[in-house]
mmCIF file of all heavy atoms, coordinates in Angstrom:
data_MODEL
# 
_entry.id   MODEL 
# 
loop_
_atom_site.group_PDB 
_atom_site.id 
_atom_site.type_symbol 
_atom_site.label_atom_id 
_atom_site.label_alt_id 
_atom_site.label_comp_id 
_atom_site.label_asym_id 
_atom_site.label_entity_id 
_atom_site.label_seq_id 
_atom_site.pdbx_PDB_ins_code 
_atom_site.Cartn_x 
_atom_site.Cartn_y 
_atom_site.Cartn_z 
_atom_site.occupancy 
_atom_site.B_iso_or_equiv 
_atom_site.pdbx_formal_charge 
_atom_site.auth_seq_id 
_atom_site.auth_comp_id 
_atom_site.auth_asym_id 
_atom_site.auth_atom_id 
_atom_site.pdbx_PDB_model_num 
ATOM 1   N N   . ALA A 1 1  ? -3.687 6.913  -11.153 1.00 0.00 ? 1  ALA A N   1 
ATOM 2   C CA  . ALA A 1 1  ? -2.793 6.022  -10.361 1.00 0.00 ? 1  ALA A CA  1 
ATOM 3   C C   . ALA A 1 1  ? -3.077 6.181  -8.880  1.00 0.00 ? 1  ALA A C   1 
ATOM 4   O O   . ALA A 1 1  ? -3.023 5.235  -8.133  1.00 0.00 ? 1  ALA A O   1 
ATOM 5   C CB  . ALA A 1 1  ? -1.314 6.416  -10.621 1.00 0.00 ? 1  ALA A CB  1 
ATOM 6   N N   . SER A 1 2  ? -3.470 7.349  -8.450  1.00 0.00 ? 2  SER A N   1 
ATOM 7   C CA  . SER A 1 2  ? -3.776 7.536  -7.002  1.00 0.00 ? 2  SER A CA  1 
ATOM 8   C C   . SER A 1 2  ? -4.997 6.776  -6.578  1.00 0.00 ? 2  SER A C   1 
ATOM 9   O O   . SER A 1 2  ? -5.126 6.451  -5.382  1.00 0.00 ? 2  SER A O   1 
ATOM 10  C CB  . SER A 1 2  ? -3.938 9.029  -6.710  1.00 0.00 ? 2  SER A CB  1 
ATOM 11  O OG  . SER A 1 2  ? -5.068 9.533  -7.433  1.00 0.00 ? 2  SER A OG  1 
ATOM 12  N N   . ALA A 1 3  ? -5.858 6.435  -7.520  1.00 0.00 ? 3  ALA A N   1 
ATOM 13  C CA  . ALA A 1 3  ? -7.061 5.732  -7.152  1.00 0.00 ? 3  ALA A CA  1 
ATOM 14  C C   . ALA A 1 3  ? -6.818 4.298  -6.755  1.00 0.00 ? 3  ALA A C   1 
ATOM 15  O O   . ALA A 1 3  ? -7.694 3.626  -6.252  1.00 0.00 ? 3  ALA A O   1 
ATOM 16  C CB  . ALA A 1 3  ? -8.089 5.745  -8.338  1.00 0.00 ? 3  ALA A CB  1 
ATOM 17  N N   . VAL A 1 4  ? -5.650 3.740  -7.038  1.00 0.00 ? 4  VAL A N   1 
ATOM 18  C CA  . VAL A 1 4  ? -5.406 2.346  -6.728  1.00 0.00 ? 4  VAL A CA  1 
ATOM 19  C C   . VAL A 1 4  ? -4.851 2.130  -5.324  1.00 0.00 ? 4  VAL A C   1 
ATOM 20  O O   . VAL A 1 4  ? -4.604 1.003  -4.919  1.00 0.00 ? 4  VAL A O   1 
ATOM 21  C CB  . VAL A 1 4  ? -4.440 1.744  -7.751  1.00 0.00 ? 4  VAL A CB  1 
ATOM 22  C CG1 . VAL A 1 4  ? -4.969 1.901  -9.160  1.00 0.00 ? 4  VAL A CG1 1 
ATOM 23  C CG2 . VAL A 1 4  ? -3.049 2.318  -7.651  1.00 0.00 ? 4  VAL A CG2 1 
ATOM 24  N N   . MET A 1 5  ? -4.561 3.181  -4.565  1.00 0.00 ? 5  MET A N   1 
ATOM 25  C CA  . MET A 1 5  ? -3.965 3.014  -3.298  1.00 0.00 ? 5  MET A CA  1 
ATOM 26  C C   . MET A 1 5  ? -4.974 2.369  -2.291  1.00 0.00 ? 5  MET A C   1 
ATOM 27  O O   . MET A 1 5  ? -6.140 2.676  -2.298  1.00 0.00 ? 5  MET A O   1 
ATOM 28  C CB  . MET A 1 5  ? -3.545 4.377  -2.700  1.00 0.00 ? 5  MET A CB  1 
ATOM 29  C CG  . MET A 1 5  ? -2.613 5.108  -3.632  1.00 0.00 ? 5  MET A CG  1 
ATOM 30  S SD  . MET A 1 5  ? -1.262 4.097  -4.254  1.00 0.00 ? 5  MET A SD  1 
ATOM 31  C CE  . MET A 1 5  ? -0.482 5.210  -5.369  1.00 0.00 ? 5  MET A CE  1 
ATOM 32  N N   . VAL A 1 6  ? -4.526 1.420  -1.550  1.00 0.00 ? 6  VAL A N   1 
ATOM 33  C CA  . VAL A 1 6  ? -5.326 0.775  -0.541  1.00 0.00 ? 6  VAL A CA  1 
ATOM 34  C C   . VAL A 1 6  ? -4.623 0.840  0.790   1.00 0.00 ? 6  VAL A C   1 
ATOM 35  O O   . VAL A 1 6  ? -3.427 1.126  0.879   1.00 0.00 ? 6  VAL A O   1 
ATOM 36  C CB  . VAL A 1 6  ? -5.611 -0.703 -0.908  1.00 0.00 ? 6  VAL A CB  1 
ATOM 37  C CG1 . VAL A 1 6  ? -6.403 -0.786 -2.171  1.00 0.00 ? 6  VAL A CG1 1 
ATOM 38  C CG2 . VAL A 1 6  ? -4.292 -1.483 -1.033  1.00 0.00 ? 6  VAL A CG2 1 
ATOM 39  N N   . GLN A 1 7  ? -5.341 0.536  1.878   1.00 0.00 ? 7  GLN A N   1 
ATOM 40  C CA  . GLN A 1 7  ? -4.766 0.579  3.216   1.00 0.00 ? 7  GLN A CA  1 
ATOM 41  C C   . GLN A 1 7  ? -3.666 -0.481 3.294   1.00 0.00 ? 7  GLN A C   1 
ATOM 42  O O   . GLN A 1 7  ? -3.922 -1.665 2.964   1.00 0.00 ? 7  GLN A O   1 
ATOM 43  C CB  . GLN A 1 7  ? -5.880 0.285  4.231   1.00 0.00 ? 7  GLN A CB  1 
ATOM 44  C CG  . GLN A 1 7  ? -5.374 0.344  5.652   1.00 0.00 ? 7  GLN A CG  1 
ATOM 45  C CD  . GLN A 1 7  ? -4.892 1.723  6.084   1.00 0.00 ? 7  GLN A CD  1 
ATOM 46  O OE1 . GLN A 1 7  ? -5.458 2.703  5.660   1.00 0.00 ? 7  GLN A OE1 1 
ATOM 47  N NE2 . GLN A 1 7  ? -3.805 1.760  6.822   1.00 0.00 ? 7  GLN A NE2 1 
ATOM 48  N N   . ALA A 1 8  ? -2.466 -0.150 3.740   1.00 0.00 ? 8  ALA A N   1 
ATOM 49  C CA  . ALA A 1 8  ? -1.399 -1.080 3.918   1.00 0.00 ? 8  ALA A CA  1 
ATOM 50  C C   . ALA A 1 8  ? -1.767 -2.107 4.970   1.00 0.00 ? 8  ALA A C   1 
ATOM 51  O O   . ALA A 1 8  ? -2.366 -1.799 5.961   1.00 0.00 ? 8  ALA A O   1 
ATOM 52  C CB  . ALA A 1 8  ? -0.096 -0.357 4.312   1.00 0.00 ? 8  ALA A CB  1 
ATOM 53  N N   . ASN A 1 9  ? -1.318 -3.379 4.758   1.00 0.00 ? 9  ASN A N   1 
ATOM 54  C CA  . ASN A 1 9  ? -1.624 -4.345 5.734   1.00 0.00 ? 9  ASN A CA  1 
ATOM 55  C C   . ASN A 1 9  ? -0.645 -4.312 6.931   1.00 0.00 ? 9  ASN A C   1 
ATOM 56  O O   . ASN A 1 9  ? 0.309  -3.581 6.919   1.00 0.00 ? 9  ASN A O   1 
ATOM 57  C CB  . ASN A 1 9  ? -1.718 -5.748 5.109   1.00 0.00 ? 9  ASN A CB  1 
ATOM 58  C CG  . ASN A 1 9  ? -0.362 -6.301 4.734   1.00 0.00 ? 9  ASN A CG  1 
ATOM 59  O OD1 . ASN A 1 9  ? 0.668  -5.959 5.319   1.00 0.00 ? 9  ASN A OD1 1 
ATOM 60  N ND2 . ASN A 1 9  ? -0.322 -7.142 3.684   1.00 0.00 ? 9  ASN A ND2 1 
ATOM 61  N N   . ALA A 1 10 ? -0.929 -5.154 7.912   1.00 0.00 ? 10 ALA A N   1 
ATOM 62  C CA  . ALA A 1 10 ? -0.167 -5.060 9.152   1.00 0.00 ? 10 ALA A CA  1 
ATOM 63  C C   . ALA A 1 10 ? 1.269  -5.432 8.967   1.00 0.00 ? 10 ALA A C   1 
ATOM 64  O O   . ALA A 1 10 ? 2.114  -5.099 9.808   1.00 0.00 ? 10 ALA A O   1 
ATOM 65  C CB  . ALA A 1 10 ? -0.817 -5.961 10.200  1.00 0.00 ? 10 ALA A CB  1 
ATOM 66  N N   . ALA A 1 11 ? 1.599  -6.148 7.872   1.00 0.00 ? 11 ALA A N   1 
ATOM 67  C CA  . ALA A 1 11 ? 2.973  -6.570 7.654   1.00 0.00 ? 11 ALA A CA  1 
ATOM 68  C C   . ALA A 1 11 ? 3.899  -5.428 7.181   1.00 0.00 ? 11 ALA A C   1 
ATOM 69  O O   . ALA A 1 11 ? 5.072  -5.554 7.183   1.00 0.00 ? 11 ALA A O   1 
ATOM 70  C CB  . ALA A 1 11 ? 3.030  -7.715 6.644   1.00 0.00 ? 11 ALA A CB  1 
ATOM 71  N N   . MET A 1 12 ? 3.274  -4.322 6.742   1.00 0.00 ? 12 MET A N   1 
ATOM 72  C CA  . MET A 1 12 ? 4.091  -3.218 6.213   1.00 0.00 ? 12 MET A CA  1 
ATOM 73  C C   . MET A 1 12 ? 4.716  -2.397 7.330   1.00 0.00 ? 12 MET A C   1 
ATOM 74  O O   . MET A 1 12 ? 4.133  -2.244 8.386   1.00 0.00 ? 12 MET A O   1 
ATOM 75  C CB  . MET A 1 12 ? 3.205  -2.299 5.329   1.00 0.00 ? 12 MET A CB  1 
ATOM 76  C CG  . MET A 1 12 ? 2.808  -2.863 4.036   1.00 0.00 ? 12 MET A CG  1 
ATOM 77  S SD  . MET A 1 12 ? 1.736  -1.757 3.160   1.00 0.00 ? 12 MET A SD  1 
ATOM 78  C CE  . MET A 1 12 ? 2.822  -0.331 3.002   1.00 0.00 ? 12 MET A CE  1 
ATOM 79  N N   . PRO A 1 13 ? 5.946  -1.956 7.107   1.00 0.00 ? 13 PRO A N   1 
ATOM 80  C CA  . PRO A 1 13 ? 6.574  -1.076 8.101   1.00 0.00 ? 13 PRO A CA  1 
ATOM 81  C C   . PRO A 1 13 ? 5.746  0.196  8.331   1.00 0.00 ? 13 PRO A C   1 
ATOM 82  O O   . PRO A 1 13 ? 5.197  0.798  7.365   1.00 0.00 ? 13 PRO A O   1 
ATOM 83  C CB  . PRO A 1 13 ? 7.920  -0.707 7.435   1.00 0.00 ? 13 PRO A CB  1 
ATOM 84  C CG  . PRO A 1 13 ? 8.139  -1.733 6.423   1.00 0.00 ? 13 PRO A CG  1 
ATOM 85  C CD  . PRO A 1 13 ? 6.780  -2.142 5.964   1.00 0.00 ? 13 PRO A CD  1 
ATOM 86  N N   . SER A 1 14 ? 5.671  0.640  9.570   1.00 0.00 ? 14 SER A N   1 
ATOM 87  C CA  . SER A 1 14 ? 4.885  1.818  9.917   1.00 0.00 ? 14 SER A CA  1 
ATOM 88  C C   . SER A 1 14 ? 5.411  3.041  9.158   1.00 0.00 ? 14 SER A C   1 
ATOM 89  O O   . SER A 1 14 ? 6.614  3.293  9.178   1.00 0.00 ? 14 SER A O   1 
ATOM 90  C CB  . SER A 1 14 ? 4.945  2.015  11.419  1.00 0.00 ? 14 SER A CB  1 
ATOM 91  O OG  . SER A 1 14 ? 4.281  3.208  11.755  1.00 0.00 ? 14 SER A OG  1 
ATOM 92  N N   . GLY A 1 15 ? 4.532  3.777  8.535   1.00 0.00 ? 15 GLY A N   1 
ATOM 93  C CA  . GLY A 1 15 ? 4.915  5.019  7.890   1.00 0.00 ? 15 GLY A CA  1 
ATOM 94  C C   . GLY A 1 15 ? 5.519  4.874  6.545   1.00 0.00 ? 15 GLY A C   1 
ATOM 95  O O   . GLY A 1 15 ? 5.818  5.874  5.884   1.00 0.00 ? 15 GLY A O   1 
ATOM 96  N N   . ALA A 1 16 ? 5.725  3.644  6.022   1.00 0.00 ? 16 ALA A N   1 
ATOM 97  C CA  . ALA A 1 16 ? 6.377  3.450  4.743   1.00 0.00 ? 16 ALA A CA  1 
ATOM 98  C C   . ALA A 1 16 ? 5.339  3.650  3.605   1.00 0.00 ? 16 ALA A C   1 
ATOM 99  O O   . ALA A 1 16 ? 4.269  3.053  3.639   1.00 0.00 ? 16 ALA A O   1 
ATOM 100 C CB  . ALA A 1 16 ? 6.971  2.074  4.654   1.00 0.00 ? 16 ALA A CB  1 
ATOM 101 N N   . ALA A 1 17 ? 5.714  4.435  2.612   1.00 0.00 ? 17 ALA A N   1 
ATOM 102 C CA  . ALA A 1 17 ? 4.884  4.594  1.439   1.00 0.00 ? 17 ALA A CA  1 
ATOM 103 C C   . ALA A 1 17 ? 5.267  3.557  0.386   1.00 0.00 ? 17 ALA A C   1 
ATOM 104 O O   . ALA A 1 17 ? 6.372  3.626  -0.187  1.00 0.00 ? 17 ALA A O   1 
ATOM 105 C CB  . ALA A 1 17 ? 5.062  6.007  0.897   1.00 0.00 ? 17 ALA A CB  1 
ATOM 106 N N   . ARG A 1 18 ? 4.415  2.626  0.130   1.00 0.00 ? 18 ARG A N   1 
ATOM 107 C CA  . ARG A 1 18 ? 4.669  1.584  -0.832  1.00 0.00 ? 18 ARG A CA  1 
ATOM 108 C C   . ARG A 1 18 ? 3.488  1.396  -1.754  1.00 0.00 ? 18 ARG A C   1 
ATOM 109 O O   . ARG A 1 18 ? 2.739  0.447  -1.684  1.00 0.00 ? 18 ARG A O   1 
ATOM 110 C CB  . ARG A 1 18 ? 5.017  0.253  -0.084  1.00 0.00 ? 18 ARG A CB  1 
ATOM 111 C CG  . ARG A 1 18 ? 6.283  0.355  0.771   1.00 0.00 ? 18 ARG A CG  1 
ATOM 112 C CD  . ARG A 1 18 ? 6.487  -0.884 1.653   1.00 0.00 ? 18 ARG A CD  1 
ATOM 113 N NE  . ARG A 1 18 ? 6.742  -2.075 0.866   1.00 0.00 ? 18 ARG A NE  1 
ATOM 114 C CZ  . ARG A 1 18 ? 6.920  -3.293 1.420   1.00 0.00 ? 18 ARG A CZ  1 
ATOM 115 N NH1 . ARG A 1 18 ? 6.936  -3.419 2.747   1.00 0.00 ? 18 ARG A NH1 1 
ATOM 116 N NH2 . ARG A 1 18 ? 7.158  -4.360 0.659   1.00 0.00 ? 18 ARG A NH2 1 
ATOM 117 N N   . PRO A 1 19 ? 3.328  2.374  -2.644  1.00 0.00 ? 19 PRO A N   1 
ATOM 118 C CA  . PRO A 1 19 ? 2.127  2.352  -3.520  1.00 0.00 ? 19 PRO A CA  1 
ATOM 119 C C   . PRO A 1 19 ? 2.040  1.149  -4.405  1.00 0.00 ? 19 PRO A C   1 
ATOM 120 O O   . PRO A 1 19 ? 0.921  0.690  -4.724  1.00 0.00 ? 19 PRO A O   1 
ATOM 121 C CB  . PRO A 1 19 ? 2.269  3.640  -4.333  1.00 0.00 ? 19 PRO A CB  1 
ATOM 122 C CG  . PRO A 1 19 ? 3.726  3.999  -4.304  1.00 0.00 ? 19 PRO A CG  1 
ATOM 123 C CD  . PRO A 1 19 ? 4.209  3.534  -2.950  1.00 0.00 ? 19 PRO A CD  1 
ATOM 124 N N   . HIS A 1 20 ? 3.165  0.615  -4.866  1.00 0.00 ? 20 HIS A N   1 
ATOM 125 C CA  . HIS A 1 20 ? 3.080  -0.562 -5.751  1.00 0.00 ? 20 HIS A CA  1 
ATOM 126 C C   . HIS A 1 20 ? 2.740  -1.820 -4.987  1.00 0.00 ? 20 HIS A C   1 
ATOM 127 O O   . HIS A 1 20 ? 2.082  -2.756 -5.497  1.00 0.00 ? 20 HIS A O   1 
ATOM 128 C CB  . HIS A 1 20 ? 4.339  -0.684 -6.563  1.00 0.00 ? 20 HIS A CB  1 
ATOM 129 C CG  . HIS A 1 20 ? 4.532  0.502  -7.528  1.00 0.00 ? 20 HIS A CG  1 
ATOM 130 N ND1 . HIS A 1 20 ? 5.527  1.417  -7.348  1.00 0.00 ? 20 HIS A ND1 1 
ATOM 131 C CD2 . HIS A 1 20 ? 3.785  0.912  -8.540  1.00 0.00 ? 20 HIS A CD2 1 
ATOM 132 C CE1 . HIS A 1 20 ? 5.386  2.347  -8.265  1.00 0.00 ? 20 HIS A CE1 1 
ATOM 133 N NE2 . HIS A 1 20 ? 4.344  2.044  -9.009  1.00 0.00 ? 20 HIS A NE2 1 
ATOM 134 N N   . LEU A 1 21 ? 3.203  -1.904 -3.725  1.00 0.00 ? 21 LEU A N   1 
ATOM 135 C CA  . LEU A 1 21 ? 2.724  -3.017 -2.894  1.00 0.00 ? 21 LEU A CA  1 
ATOM 136 C C   . LEU A 1 21 ? 1.258  -2.842 -2.615  1.00 0.00 ? 21 LEU A C   1 
ATOM 137 O O   . LEU A 1 21 ? 0.452  -3.818 -2.671  1.00 0.00 ? 21 LEU A O   1 
ATOM 138 C CB  . LEU A 1 21 ? 3.465  -3.034 -1.556  1.00 0.00 ? 21 LEU A CB  1 
ATOM 139 C CG  . LEU A 1 21 ? 2.931  -4.070 -0.544  1.00 0.00 ? 21 LEU A CG  1 
ATOM 140 C CD1 . LEU A 1 21 ? 3.082  -5.474 -1.093  1.00 0.00 ? 21 LEU A CD1 1 
ATOM 141 C CD2 . LEU A 1 21 ? 3.647  -3.902 0.773   1.00 0.00 ? 21 LEU A CD2 1 
ATOM 142 N N   . ASP A 1 22 ? 0.798  -1.647 -2.321  1.00 0.00 ? 22 ASP A N   1 
ATOM 143 C CA  . ASP A 1 22 ? -0.638 -1.425 -2.129  1.00 0.00 ? 22 ASP A CA  1 
ATOM 144 C C   . ASP A 1 22 ? -1.465 -1.905 -3.312  1.00 0.00 ? 22 ASP A C   1 
ATOM 145 O O   . ASP A 1 22 ? -2.526 -2.509 -3.155  1.00 0.00 ? 22 ASP A O   1 
ATOM 146 C CB  . ASP A 1 22 ? -0.892 0.109  -1.914  1.00 0.00 ? 22 ASP A CB  1 
ATOM 147 C CG  . ASP A 1 22 ? -0.309 0.602  -0.600  1.00 0.00 ? 22 ASP A CG  1 
ATOM 148 O OD1 . ASP A 1 22 ? 0.031  -0.206 0.259   1.00 0.00 ? 22 ASP A OD1 1 
ATOM 149 O OD2 . ASP A 1 22 ? -0.256 1.863  -0.447  1.00 0.00 ? 22 ASP A OD2 1 
ATOM 150 N N   . ALA A 1 23 ? -0.996 -1.569 -4.516  1.00 0.00 ? 23 ALA A N   1 
ATOM 151 C CA  . ALA A 1 23 ? -1.710 -2.001 -5.718  1.00 0.00 ? 23 ALA A CA  1 
ATOM 152 C C   . ALA A 1 23 ? -1.702 -3.538 -5.857  1.00 0.00 ? 23 ALA A C   1 
ATOM 153 O O   . ALA A 1 23 ? -2.723 -4.109 -6.223  1.00 0.00 ? 23 ALA A O   1 
ATOM 154 C CB  . ALA A 1 23 ? -1.081 -1.362 -6.967  1.00 0.00 ? 23 ALA A CB  1 
ATOM 155 N N   . ALA A 1 24 ? -0.567 -4.161 -5.536  1.00 0.00 ? 24 ALA A N   1 
ATOM 156 C CA  . ALA A 1 24 ? -0.509 -5.630 -5.564  1.00 0.00 ? 24 ALA A CA  1 
ATOM 157 C C   . ALA A 1 24 ? -1.466 -6.251 -4.565  1.00 0.00 ? 24 ALA A C   1 
ATOM 158 O O   . ALA A 1 24 ? -2.133 -7.288 -4.860  1.00 0.00 ? 24 ALA A O   1 
ATOM 159 C CB  . ALA A 1 24 ? 0.899  -6.118 -5.328  1.00 0.00 ? 24 ALA A CB  1 
ATOM 160 N N   . LEU A 1 25 ? -1.596 -5.607 -3.430  1.00 0.00 ? 25 LEU A N   1 
ATOM 161 C CA  . LEU A 1 25 ? -2.541 -6.127 -2.392  1.00 0.00 ? 25 LEU A CA  1 
ATOM 162 C C   . LEU A 1 25 ? -3.962 -5.963 -2.858  1.00 0.00 ? 25 LEU A C   1 
ATOM 163 O O   . LEU A 1 25 ? -4.804 -6.831 -2.544  1.00 0.00 ? 25 LEU A O   1 
ATOM 164 C CB  . LEU A 1 25 ? -2.310 -5.394 -1.097  1.00 0.00 ? 25 LEU A CB  1 
ATOM 165 C CG  . LEU A 1 25 ? -0.957 -5.648 -0.397  1.00 0.00 ? 25 LEU A CG  1 
ATOM 166 C CD1 . LEU A 1 25 ? -0.813 -4.784 0.835   1.00 0.00 ? 25 LEU A CD1 1 
ATOM 167 C CD2 . LEU A 1 25 ? -0.808 -7.122 -0.015  1.00 0.00 ? 25 LEU A CD2 1 
ATOM 168 N N   . ALA A 1 26 ? -4.269 -4.893 -3.562  1.00 0.00 ? 26 ALA A N   1 
ATOM 169 C CA  . ALA A 1 26 ? -5.617 -4.710 -4.097  1.00 0.00 ? 26 ALA A CA  1 
ATOM 170 C C   . ALA A 1 26 ? -5.917 -5.787 -5.123  1.00 0.00 ? 26 ALA A C   1 
ATOM 171 O O   . ALA A 1 26 ? -7.029 -6.307 -5.230  1.00 0.00 ? 26 ALA A O   1 
ATOM 172 C CB  . ALA A 1 26 ? -5.790 -3.317 -4.686  1.00 0.00 ? 26 ALA A CB  1 
# 
C-alpha cells in the first residue's frame, strides 16, 4: 500500500496526509 503514495498536488492542504487522495491522483 505504501508504494502507491504520490506527491500531493498544490490543491492539498499543507502537511495533510491523504493517502487515498494520493492514490486517486496516481
